[in-house]
């Protein structure tokens, strides 16, 4: 949830929160790829979002992947599924993961 906090706005609606979690999951997993593949995947993400020429968006994606690698570099878990629940204590994020080195 901490990594998602780097992406999601504080006043996010439920939809914005869900989209932010989806982006965080993708970026979390991208950081597990070899460096040469990361650039390719991030470029595709920018193209699909129709923001291929947006240097701020591109920089932010790379910044978030770098942040994930710095903070959680030894964590080789790949997110394979997640769900968001609204509880009495607020939003809860449930994640299913697998060891990226053993997945496949």
PDB file of N, CA and C in Angstrom:
ATOM      1  N   UNK A   1       0.828  -1.187   0.000  1.00  0.00           N
ATOM      2  CA  UNK A   1       0.000   0.000   0.000  1.00  0.00           C
ATOM      3  C   UNK A   1       0.875   1.255   0.000  1.00  0.00           C
ATOM      4  N   UNK A   2       2.053   1.149   0.576  1.00  0.00           N
ATOM      5  CA  UNK A   2       2.951   2.300   0.629  1.00  0.00           C
ATOM      6  C   UNK A   2       3.341   2.760  -0.778  1.00  0.00           C
ATOM      7  N   UNK A   3       3.671   1.824  -1.651  1.00  0.00           N
ATOM      8  CA  UNK A   3       4.045   2.180  -3.017  1.00  0.00           C
ATOM      9  C   UNK A   3       2.870   2.818  -3.754  1.00  0.00           C
ATOM     10  N   UNK A   4       1.675   2.309  -3.543  1.00  0.00           N
ATOM     11  CA  UNK A   4       0.476   2.884  -4.170  1.00  0.00           C
ATOM     12  C   UNK A   4       0.307   4.329  -3.726  1.00  0.00           C
ATOM     13  N   UNK A   5       0.663   4.619  -2.477  1.00  0.00           N
ATOM     14  CA  UNK A   5       0.552   5.977  -1.948  1.00  0.00           C
ATOM     15  C   UNK A   5       1.377   6.996  -2.709  1.00  0.00           C
ATOM     16  N   UNK A   6       2.402   6.545  -3.404  1.00  0.00           N
ATOM     17  CA  UNK A   6       3.224   7.446  -4.217  1.00  0.00           C
ATOM     18  C   UNK A   6       2.493   7.878  -5.486  1.00  0.00           C
ATOM     19  N   UNK A   7       1.449   7.166  -5.844  1.00  0.00           N
ATOM     20  CA  UNK A   7       0.753   7.405  -7.106  1.00  0.00           C
ATOM     21  C   UNK A   7      -0.623   8.028  -6.897  1.00  0.00           C
ATOM     22  N   UNK A   8      -1.343   7.528  -5.917  1.00  0.00           N
ATOM     23  CA  UNK A   8      -2.749   7.921  -5.735  1.00  0.00           C
ATOM     24  C   UNK A   8      -2.854   9.293  -5.068  1.00  0.00           C
ATOM     25  N   UNK A   9      -3.700  10.169  -5.610  1.00  0.00           N
ATOM     26  CA  UNK A   9      -3.939  11.457  -4.950  1.00  0.00           C
ATOM     27  C   UNK A   9      -4.676  11.249  -3.622  1.00  0.00           C
ATOM     28  N   UNK A  10      -4.427  12.123  -2.660  1.00  0.00           N
ATOM     29  CA  UNK A  10      -5.069  11.974  -1.338  1.00  0.00           C
ATOM     30  C   UNK A  10      -6.584  12.016  -1.421  1.00  0.00           C
ATOM     31  N   UNK A  11      -7.107  12.838  -2.324  1.00  0.00           N
ATOM     32  CA  UNK A  11      -8.560  13.000  -2.431  1.00  0.00           C
ATOM     33  C   UNK A  11      -9.144  12.144  -3.556  1.00  0.00           C
ATOM     34  N   UNK A  12      -8.509  11.025  -3.849  1.00  0.00           N
ATOM     35  CA  UNK A  12      -8.920  10.181  -4.970  1.00  0.00           C
ATOM     36  C   UNK A  12     -10.312   9.612  -4.762  1.00  0.00           C
ATOM     37  N   UNK A  13     -11.050   9.609  -5.857  1.00  0.00           N
ATOM     38  CA  UNK A  13     -12.333   8.920  -5.838  1.00  0.00           C
ATOM     39  C   UNK A  13     -12.058   7.416  -5.855  1.00  0.00           C
ATOM     40  N   UNK A  14     -13.091   6.630  -5.696  1.00  0.00           N
ATOM     41  CA  UNK A  14     -12.923   5.178  -5.735  1.00  0.00           C
ATOM     42  C   UNK A  14     -12.352   4.737  -7.086  1.00  0.00           C
ATOM     43  N   UNK A  15     -12.841   5.348  -8.165  1.00  0.00           N
ATOM     44  CA  UNK A  15     -12.351   5.001  -9.503  1.00  0.00           C
ATOM     45  C   UNK A  15     -10.879   5.401  -9.671  1.00  0.00           C
ATOM     46  N   UNK A  16     -10.527   6.603  -9.238  1.00  0.00           N
ATOM     47  CA  UNK A  16      -9.134   7.058  -9.339  1.00  0.00           C
ATOM     48  C   UNK A  16      -8.208   6.185  -8.497  1.00  0.00           C
ATOM     49  N   UNK A  17      -8.687   5.787  -7.335  1.00  0.00           N
ATOM     50  CA  UNK A  17      -7.889   4.914  -6.484  1.00  0.00           C
ATOM     51  C   UNK A  17      -7.626   3.585  -7.190  1.00  0.00           C
ATOM     52  N   UNK A  18      -8.677   3.002  -7.769  1.00  0.00           N
ATOM     53  CA  UNK A  18      -8.528   1.741  -8.489  1.00  0.00           C
ATOM     54  C   UNK A  18      -7.558   1.855  -9.657  1.00  0.00           C
ATOM     55  N   UNK A  19      -7.649   2.947 -10.404  1.00  0.00           N
ATOM     56  CA  UNK A  19      -6.733   3.162 -11.527  1.00  0.00           C
ATOM     57  C   UNK A  19      -5.299   3.332 -11.034  1.00  0.00           C
ATOM     58  N   UNK A  20      -5.138   4.020  -9.922  1.00  0.00           N
ATOM     59  CA  UNK A  20      -3.802   4.221  -9.357  1.00  0.00           C
ATOM     60  C   UNK A  20      -3.201   2.900  -8.895  1.00  0.00           C
ATOM     61  N   UNK A  21      -4.028   2.042  -8.315  1.00  0.00           N
ATOM     62  CA  UNK A  21      -3.545   0.722  -7.885  1.00  0.00           C
ATOM     63  C   UNK A  21      -3.132  -0.087  -9.104  1.00  0.00           C
ATOM     64  N   UNK A  22      -3.940  -0.051 -10.162  1.00  0.00           N
ATOM     65  CA  UNK A  22      -3.583  -0.771 -11.388  1.00  0.00           C
ATOM     66  C   UNK A  22      -2.237  -0.301 -11.922  1.00  0.00           C
ATOM     67  N   UNK A  23      -2.025   1.007 -11.949  1.00  0.00           N
ATOM     68  CA  UNK A  23      -0.751   1.548 -12.429  1.00  0.00           C
ATOM     69  C   UNK A  23       0.388   1.109 -11.519  1.00  0.00           C
ATOM     70  N   UNK A  24       0.176   1.163 -10.217  1.00  0.00           N
ATOM     71  CA  UNK A  24       1.213   0.750  -9.265  1.00  0.00           C
ATOM     72  C   UNK A  24       1.586  -0.718  -9.457  1.00  0.00           C
ATOM     73  N   UNK A  25       0.601  -1.564  -9.689  1.00  0.00           N
ATOM     74  CA  UNK A  25       0.855  -2.996  -9.898  1.00  0.00           C
ATOM     75  C   UNK A  25       1.706  -3.200 -11.156  1.00  0.00           C
ATOM     76  N   UNK A  26       1.349  -2.519 -12.235  1.00  0.00           N
ATOM     77  CA  UNK A  26       2.121  -2.652 -13.471  1.00  0.00           C
ATOM     78  C   UNK A  26       3.551  -2.171 -13.258  1.00  0.00           C
ATOM     79  N   UNK A  27       3.722  -1.017 -12.631  1.00  0.00           N
ATOM     80  CA  UNK A  27       5.062  -0.481 -12.415  1.00  0.00           C
ATOM     81  C   UNK A  27       5.864  -1.357 -11.463  1.00  0.00           C
ATOM     82  N   UNK A  28       5.200  -1.912 -10.458  1.00  0.00           N
ATOM     83  CA  UNK A  28       5.870  -2.851  -9.534  1.00  0.00           C
ATOM     84  C   UNK A  28       6.463  -4.004 -10.332  1.00  0.00           C
ATOM     85  N   UNK A  29       5.656  -4.577 -11.218  1.00  0.00           N
ATOM     86  CA  UNK A  29       6.098  -5.725 -12.007  1.00  0.00           C
ATOM     87  C   UNK A  29       7.127  -5.330 -13.070  1.00  0.00           C
ATOM     88  N   UNK A  30       6.986  -4.146 -13.662  1.00  0.00           N
ATOM     89  CA  UNK A  30       7.958  -3.680 -14.657  1.00  0.00           C
ATOM     90  C   UNK A  30       9.357  -3.626 -14.052  1.00  0.00           C
ATOM     91  N   UNK A  31       9.443  -3.230 -12.797  1.00  0.00           N
ATOM     92  CA  UNK A  31      10.747  -3.115 -12.135  1.00  0.00           C
ATOM     93  C   UNK A  31      11.455  -4.463 -12.020  1.00  0.00           C
ATOM     94  N   UNK A  32      10.727  -5.553 -12.190  1.00  0.00           N
ATOM     95  CA  UNK A  32      11.323  -6.889 -12.128  1.00  0.00           C
ATOM     96  C   UNK A  32      11.946  -7.309 -13.462  1.00  0.00           C
ATOM     97  N   UNK A  33      11.633  -6.585 -14.516  1.00  0.00           N
ATOM     98  CA  UNK A  33      12.153  -6.918 -15.842  1.00  0.00           C
ATOM     99  C   UNK A  33      13.603  -6.466 -15.983  1.00  0.00           C
ATOM    100  N   UNK A  34      14.344  -7.067 -16.910  1.00  0.00           N
ATOM    101  CA  UNK A  34      15.685  -6.552 -17.218  1.00  0.00           C
ATOM    102  C   UNK A  34      15.577  -5.106 -17.717  1.00  0.00           C
ATOM    103  N   UNK A  35      16.606  -4.310 -17.497  1.00  0.00           N
ATOM    104  CA  UNK A  35      16.573  -2.883 -17.840  1.00  0.00           C
ATOM    105  C   UNK A  35      16.156  -2.610 -19.276  1.00  0.00           C
ATOM    106  N   UNK A  36      16.663  -3.390 -20.232  1.00  0.00           N
ATOM    107  CA  UNK A  36      16.333  -3.134 -21.629  1.00  0.00           C
ATOM    108  C   UNK A  36      14.846  -3.374 -21.920  1.00  0.00           C
ATOM    109  N   UNK A  37      14.225  -4.295 -21.235  1.00  0.00           N
ATOM    110  CA  UNK A  37      12.797  -4.565 -21.411  1.00  0.00           C
ATOM    111  C   UNK A  37      11.939  -3.504 -20.720  1.00  0.00           C
ATOM    112  N   UNK A  38      12.436  -2.953 -19.627  1.00  0.00           N
ATOM    113  CA  UNK A  38      11.674  -1.928 -18.908  1.00  0.00           C
ATOM    114  C   UNK A  38      11.375  -0.737 -19.803  1.00  0.00           C
ATOM    115  N   UNK A  39      12.385  -0.255 -20.502  1.00  0.00           N
ATOM    116  CA  UNK A  39      12.189   0.897 -21.386  1.00  0.00           C
ATOM    117  C   UNK A  39      11.151   0.630 -22.448  1.00  0.00           C
ATOM    118  N   UNK A  40      11.180  -0.566 -23.016  1.00  0.00           N
ATOM    119  CA  UNK A  40      10.219  -0.945 -24.049  1.00  0.00           C
ATOM    120  C   UNK A  40       8.798  -0.967 -23.492  1.00  0.00           C
ATOM    121  N   UNK A  41       8.611  -1.552 -22.317  1.00  0.00           N
ATOM    122  CA  UNK A  41       7.282  -1.641 -21.715  1.00  0.00           C
ATOM    123  C   UNK A  41       6.768  -0.253 -21.337  1.00  0.00           C
ATOM    124  N   UNK A  42       7.625   0.585 -20.784  1.00  0.00           N
ATOM    125  CA  UNK A  42       7.199   1.938 -20.416  1.00  0.00           C
ATOM    126  C   UNK A  42       6.834   2.752 -21.658  1.00  0.00           C
ATOM    127  N   UNK A  43       7.558   2.552 -22.750  1.00  0.00           N
ATOM    128  CA  UNK A  43       7.222   3.249 -23.996  1.00  0.00           C
ATOM    129  C   UNK A  43       5.836   2.823 -24.473  1.00  0.00           C
ATOM    130  N   UNK A  44       5.559   1.507 -24.415  1.00  0.00           N
ATOM    131  CA  UNK A  44       4.239   1.011 -24.823  1.00  0.00           C
ATOM    132  C   UNK A  44       3.136   1.589 -23.945  1.00  0.00           C
ATOM    133  N   UNK A  45       3.410   1.704 -22.660  1.00  0.00           N
ATOM    134  CA  UNK A  45       2.410   2.281 -21.743  1.00  0.00           C
ATOM    135  C   UNK A  45       2.095   3.718 -22.139  1.00  0.00           C
ATOM    136  N   UNK A  46       3.122   4.480 -22.455  1.00  0.00           N
ATOM    137  CA  UNK A  46       2.904   5.877 -22.861  1.00  0.00           C
ATOM    138  C   UNK A  46       2.101   5.939 -24.155  1.00  0.00           C
ATOM    139  N   UNK A  47       2.401   5.056 -25.090  1.00  0.00           N
ATOM    140  CA  UNK A  47       1.675   5.048 -26.360  1.00  0.00           C
ATOM    141  C   UNK A  47       0.201   4.683 -26.146  1.00  0.00           C
ATOM    142  N   UNK A  48      -0.048   3.681 -25.323  1.00  0.00           N
ATOM    143  CA  UNK A  48      -1.440   3.262 -25.074  1.00  0.00           C
ATOM    144  C   UNK A  48      -2.239   4.340 -24.355  1.00  0.00           C
ATOM    145  N   UNK A  49      -1.552   5.136 -23.561  1.00  0.00           N
ATOM    146  CA  UNK A  49      -2.219   6.220 -22.839  1.00  0.00           C
ATOM    147  C   UNK A  49      -2.291   7.494 -23.687  1.00  0.00           C
ATOM    148  N   UNK A  50      -1.873   7.384 -24.955  1.00  0.00           N
ATOM    149  CA  UNK A  50      -1.826   8.553 -25.846  1.00  0.00           C
ATOM    150  C   UNK A  50      -0.988   9.685 -25.256  1.00  0.00           C
ATOM    151  N   UNK A  51       0.103   9.306 -24.580  1.00  0.00           N
ATOM    152  CA  UNK A  51       0.987  10.312 -23.977  1.00  0.00           C
ATOM    153  C   UNK A  51       2.445  10.041 -24.358  1.00  0.00           C
ATOM    154  N   UNK A  52       2.617   9.494 -25.559  1.00  0.00           N
ATOM    155  CA  UNK A  52       3.946   9.140 -26.027  1.00  0.00           C
ATOM    156  C   UNK A  52       4.895  10.317 -26.108  1.00  0.00           C
ATOM    157  N   UNK A  53       4.369  11.511 -26.347  1.00  0.00           N
ATOM    158  CA  UNK A  53       5.216  12.705 -26.478  1.00  0.00           C
ATOM    159  C   UNK A  53       5.236  13.559 -25.222  1.00  0.00           C
ATOM    160  N   UNK A  54       4.711  13.042 -24.131  1.00  0.00           N
ATOM    161  CA  UNK A  54       4.630  13.811 -22.885  1.00  0.00           C
ATOM    162  C   UNK A  54       5.839  13.500 -22.009  1.00  0.00           C
ATOM    163  N   UNK A  55       6.844  14.394 -21.975  1.00  0.00           N
ATOM    164  CA  UNK A  55       8.059  14.098 -21.203  1.00  0.00           C
ATOM    165  C   UNK A  55       7.808  14.006 -19.696  1.00  0.00           C
ATOM    166  N   UNK A  56       6.835  14.754 -19.175  1.00  0.00           N
ATOM    167  CA  UNK A  56       6.539  14.671 -17.741  1.00  0.00           C
ATOM    168  C   UNK A  56       6.013  13.290 -17.394  1.00  0.00           C
ATOM    169  N   UNK A  57       5.068  12.792 -18.185  1.00  0.00           N
ATOM    170  CA  UNK A  57       4.485  11.470 -17.936  1.00  0.00           C
ATOM    171  C   UNK A  57       5.556  10.390 -18.035  1.00  0.00           C
ATOM    172  N   UNK A  58       6.380  10.462 -19.070  1.00  0.00           N
ATOM    173  CA  UNK A  58       7.461   9.486 -19.247  1.00  0.00           C
ATOM    174  C   UNK A  58       8.411   9.536 -18.063  1.00  0.00           C
ATOM    175  N   UNK A  59       8.785  10.728 -17.649  1.00  0.00           N
ATOM    176  CA  UNK A  59       9.701  10.877 -16.518  1.00  0.00           C
ATOM    177  C   UNK A  59       9.113  10.329 -15.238  1.00  0.00           C
ATOM    178  N   UNK A  60       7.830  10.571 -15.034  1.00  0.00           N
ATOM    179  CA  UNK A  60       7.167  10.091 -13.814  1.00  0.00           C
ATOM    180  C   UNK A  60       7.125   8.568 -13.779  1.00  0.00           C
ATOM    181  N   UNK A  61       6.856   7.929 -14.912  1.00  0.00           N
ATOM    182  CA  UNK A  61       6.853   6.471 -14.948  1.00  0.00           C
ATOM    183  C   UNK A  61       8.227   5.920 -14.573  1.00  0.00           C
ATOM    184  N   UNK A  62       9.267   6.478 -15.172  1.00  0.00           N
ATOM    185  CA  UNK A  62      10.634   6.022 -14.873  1.00  0.00           C
ATOM    186  C   UNK A  62      10.990   6.297 -13.410  1.00  0.00           C
ATOM    187  N   UNK A  63      10.564   7.447 -12.917  1.00  0.00           N
ATOM    188  CA  UNK A  63      10.822   7.809 -11.516  1.00  0.00           C
ATOM    189  C   UNK A  63      10.180   6.802 -10.561  1.00  0.00           C
ATOM    190  N   UNK A  64       8.964   6.388 -10.855  1.00  0.00           N
ATOM    191  CA  UNK A  64       8.267   5.433  -9.993  1.00  0.00           C
ATOM    192  C   UNK A  64       8.893   4.042 -10.055  1.00  0.00           C
ATOM    193  N   UNK A  65       9.331   3.622 -11.236  1.00  0.00           N
ATOM    194  CA  UNK A  65      10.023   2.332 -11.340  1.00  0.00           C
ATOM    195  C   UNK A  65      11.331   2.388 -10.552  1.00  0.00           C
ATOM    196  N   UNK A  66      12.060   3.494 -10.675  1.00  0.00           N
ATOM    197  CA  UNK A  66      13.307   3.656  -9.920  1.00  0.00           C
ATOM    198  C   UNK A  66      13.055   3.651  -8.414  1.00  0.00           C
ATOM    199  N   UNK A  67      11.988   4.312  -7.993  1.00  0.00           N
ATOM    200  CA  UNK A  67      11.630   4.339  -6.572  1.00  0.00           C
ATOM    201  C   UNK A  67      11.343   2.929  -6.074  1.00  0.00           C
ATOM    202  N   UNK A  68      10.593   2.169  -6.839  1.00  0.00           N
ATOM    203  CA  UNK A  68      10.277   0.796  -6.446  1.00  0.00           C
ATOM    204  C   UNK A  68      11.562  -0.016  -6.309  1.00  0.00           C
ATOM    205  N   UNK A  69      12.465   0.152  -7.252  1.00  0.00           N
ATOM    206  CA  UNK A  69      13.728  -0.603  -7.210  1.00  0.00           C
ATOM    207  C   UNK A  69      14.592  -0.196  -6.018  1.00  0.00           C
ATOM    208  N   UNK A  70      14.626   1.089  -5.721  1.00  0.00           N
ATOM    209  CA  UNK A  70      15.433   1.557  -4.571  1.00  0.00           C
ATOM    210  C   UNK A  70      14.865   1.068  -3.241  1.00  0.00           C
ATOM    211  N   UNK A  71      13.567   1.209  -3.069  1.00  0.00           N
ATOM    212  CA  UNK A  71      12.940   0.854  -1.791  1.00  0.00           C
ATOM    213  C   UNK A  71      12.757  -0.642  -1.594  1.00  0.00           C
ATOM    214  N   UNK A  72      12.435  -1.330  -2.668  1.00  0.00           N
ATOM    215  CA  UNK A  72      12.041  -2.736  -2.544  1.00  0.00           C
ATOM    216  C   UNK A  72      12.859  -3.632  -3.475  1.00  0.00           C
ATOM    217  N   UNK A  73      14.074  -3.237  -3.784  1.00  0.00           N
ATOM    218  CA  UNK A  73      14.896  -3.930  -4.766  1.00  0.00           C
ATOM    219  C   UNK A  73      15.079  -5.408  -4.514  1.00  0.00           C
ATOM    220  N   UNK A  74      15.128  -5.816  -3.257  1.00  0.00           N
ATOM    221  CA  UNK A  74      15.318  -7.227  -2.942  1.00  0.00           C
ATOM    222  C   UNK A  74      14.022  -8.028  -3.007  1.00  0.00           C
ATOM    223  N   UNK A  75      12.912  -7.354  -3.125  1.00  0.00           N
ATOM    224  CA  UNK A  75      11.610  -8.016  -3.162  1.00  0.00           C
ATOM    225  C   UNK A  75      11.343  -8.475  -4.592  1.00  0.00           C
ATOM    226  N   UNK A  76      11.428  -9.754  -4.825  1.00  0.00           N
ATOM    227  CA  UNK A  76      11.280 -10.323  -6.171  1.00  0.00           C
ATOM    228  C   UNK A  76       9.877 -10.885  -6.397  1.00  0.00           C
ATOM    229  N   UNK A  77       8.912 -10.454  -5.564  1.00  0.00           N
ATOM    230  CA  UNK A  77       7.537 -10.915  -5.768  1.00  0.00           C
ATOM    231  C   UNK A  77       6.888 -10.134  -6.913  1.00  0.00           C
ATOM    232  N   UNK A  78       6.199 -10.860  -7.769  1.00  0.00           N
ATOM    233  CA  UNK A  78       5.457 -10.286  -8.877  1.00  0.00           C
ATOM    234  C   UNK A  78       3.978 -10.325  -8.494  1.00  0.00           C
ATOM    235  N   UNK A  79       3.298  -9.207  -8.661  1.00  0.00           N
ATOM    236  CA  UNK A  79       1.870  -9.167  -8.357  1.00  0.00           C
ATOM    237  C   UNK A  79       1.119  -9.869  -9.481  1.00  0.00           C
ATOM    238  N   UNK A  80       0.327 -10.872  -9.105  1.00  0.00           N
ATOM    239  CA  UNK A  80      -0.451 -11.611 -10.104  1.00  0.00           C
ATOM    240  C   UNK A  80      -1.943 -11.306 -10.005  1.00  0.00           C
ATOM    241  N   UNK A  81      -2.374 -10.756  -8.881  1.00  0.00           N
ATOM    242  CA  UNK A  81      -3.781 -10.386  -8.716  1.00  0.00           C
ATOM    243  C   UNK A  81      -3.895  -9.451  -7.516  1.00  0.00           C
ATOM    244  N   UNK A  82      -4.961  -8.672  -7.508  1.00  0.00           N
ATOM    245  CA  UNK A  82      -5.227  -7.805  -6.351  1.00  0.00           C
ATOM    246  C   UNK A  82      -6.714  -7.507  -6.285  1.00  0.00           C
ATOM    247  N   UNK A  83      -7.134  -7.085  -5.100  1.00  0.00           N
ATOM    248  CA  UNK A  83      -8.509  -6.598  -4.947  1.00  0.00           C
ATOM    249  C   UNK A  83      -8.503  -5.496  -3.891  1.00  0.00           C
ATOM    250  N   UNK A  84      -9.453  -4.614  -4.033  1.00  0.00           N
ATOM    251  CA  UNK A  84      -9.601  -3.489  -3.116  1.00  0.00           C
ATOM    252  C   UNK A  84     -10.912  -3.682  -2.378  1.00  0.00           C
ATOM    253  N   UNK A  85     -10.868  -3.539  -1.059  1.00  0.00           N
ATOM    254  CA  UNK A  85     -12.084  -3.645  -0.249  1.00  0.00           C
ATOM    255  C   UNK A  85     -12.242  -2.383   0.583  1.00  0.00           C
ATOM    256  N   UNK A  86     -13.466  -1.935   0.692  1.00  0.00           N
ATOM    257  CA  UNK A  86     -13.805  -0.848   1.605  1.00  0.00           C
ATOM    258  C   UNK A  86     -14.187  -1.483   2.937  1.00  0.00           C
ATOM    259  N   UNK A  87     -13.494  -1.134   3.992  1.00  0.00           N
ATOM    260  CA  UNK A  87     -13.770  -1.688   5.315  1.00  0.00           C
ATOM    261  C   UNK A  87     -14.042  -0.554   6.299  1.00  0.00           C
ATOM    262  N   UNK A  88     -14.358  -0.904   7.511  1.00  0.00           N
ATOM    263  CA  UNK A  88     -14.570   0.104   8.551  1.00  0.00           C
ATOM    264  C   UNK A  88     -13.304   0.920   8.797  1.00  0.00           C
ATOM    265  N   UNK A  89     -12.149   0.312   8.542  1.00  0.00           N
ATOM    266  CA  UNK A  89     -10.869   1.000   8.748  1.00  0.00           C
ATOM    267  C   UNK A  89     -10.396   1.741   7.503  1.00  0.00           C
ATOM    268  N   UNK A  90     -11.196   1.709   6.443  1.00  0.00           N
ATOM    269  CA  UNK A  90     -10.817   2.381   5.203  1.00  0.00           C
ATOM    270  C   UNK A  90     -10.545   1.376   4.102  1.00  0.00           C
ATOM    271  N   UNK A  91      -9.879   1.844   3.073  1.00  0.00           N
ATOM    272  CA  UNK A  91      -9.574   0.976   1.940  1.00  0.00           C
ATOM    273  C   UNK A  91      -8.479  -0.017   2.294  1.00  0.00           C
ATOM    274  N   UNK A  92      -8.712  -1.254   1.895  1.00  0.00           N
ATOM    275  CA  UNK A  92      -7.722  -2.315   2.100  1.00  0.00           C
ATOM    276  C   UNK A  92      -7.348  -2.866   0.736  1.00  0.00           C
ATOM    277  N   UNK A  93      -6.065  -3.075   0.543  1.00  0.00           N
ATOM    278  CA  UNK A  93      -5.565  -3.648  -0.695  1.00  0.00           C
ATOM    279  C   UNK A  93      -5.053  -5.045  -0.404  1.00  0.00           C
ATOM    280  N   UNK A  94      -5.602  -6.034  -1.094  1.00  0.00           N
ATOM    281  CA  UNK A  94      -5.200  -7.433  -0.947  1.00  0.00           C
ATOM    282  C   UNK A  94      -4.447  -7.819  -2.211  1.00  0.00           C
ATOM    283  N   UNK A  95      -3.272  -8.372  -2.044  1.00  0.00           N
ATOM    284  CA  UNK A  95      -2.414  -8.691  -3.180  1.00  0.00           C
ATOM    285  C   UNK A  95      -2.037 -10.163  -3.151  1.00  0.00           C
ATOM    286  N   UNK A  96      -2.099 -10.789  -4.317  1.00  0.00           N
ATOM    287  CA  UNK A  96      -1.588 -12.141  -4.504  1.00  0.00           C
ATOM    288  C   UNK A  96      -0.324 -12.006  -5.335  1.00  0.00           C
ATOM    289  N   UNK A  97       0.741 -12.640  -4.883  1.00  0.00           N
ATOM    290  CA  UNK A  97       2.014 -12.506  -5.593  1.00  0.00           C
ATOM    291  C   UNK A  97       2.693 -13.856  -5.745  1.00  0.00           C
ATOM    292  N   UNK A  98       3.700 -13.876  -6.590  1.00  0.00           N
ATOM    293  CA  UNK A  98       4.506 -15.082  -6.809  1.00  0.00           C
ATOM    294  C   UNK A  98       5.954 -14.660  -6.953  1.00  0.00           C
ATOM    295  N   UNK A  99       6.856 -15.543  -6.610  1.00  0.00           N
ATOM    296  CA  UNK A  99       8.277 -15.260  -6.761  1.00  0.00           C
ATOM    297  C   UNK A  99       8.587 -15.143  -8.243  1.00  0.00           C
ATOM    298  N   UNK A 100       9.063 -13.978  -8.663  1.00  0.00           N
ATOM    299  CA  UNK A 100       9.325 -13.741 -10.078  1.00  0.00           C
ATOM    300  C   UNK A 100      10.395 -14.665 -10.629  1.00  0.00           C
ATOM    301  N   UNK A 101      11.291 -15.111  -9.790  1.00  0.00           N
ATOM    302  CA  UNK A 101      12.360 -15.996 -10.238  1.00  0.00           C
ATOM    303  C   UNK A 101      11.891 -17.431 -10.429  1.00  0.00           C
ATOM    304  N   UNK A 102      10.745 -17.763  -9.847  1.00  0.00           N
ATOM    305  CA  UNK A 102      10.217 -19.121  -9.960  1.00  0.00           C
ATOM    306  C   UNK A 102       8.952 -19.191 -10.801  1.00  0.00           C
ATOM    307  N   UNK A 103       8.389 -18.038 -11.123  1.00  0.00           N
ATOM    308  CA  UNK A 103       7.141 -18.015 -11.902  1.00  0.00           C
ATOM    309  C   UNK A 103       7.434 -18.372 -13.347  1.00  0.00           C
ATOM    310  N   UNK A 104       6.459 -18.905 -13.978  1.00  0.00           N
ATOM    311  CA  UNK A 104       6.679 -19.100 -15.386  1.00  0.00           C
ATOM    312  C   UNK A 104       6.163 -20.341 -15.913  1.00  0.00           C
TER     313      UNK A 104
END
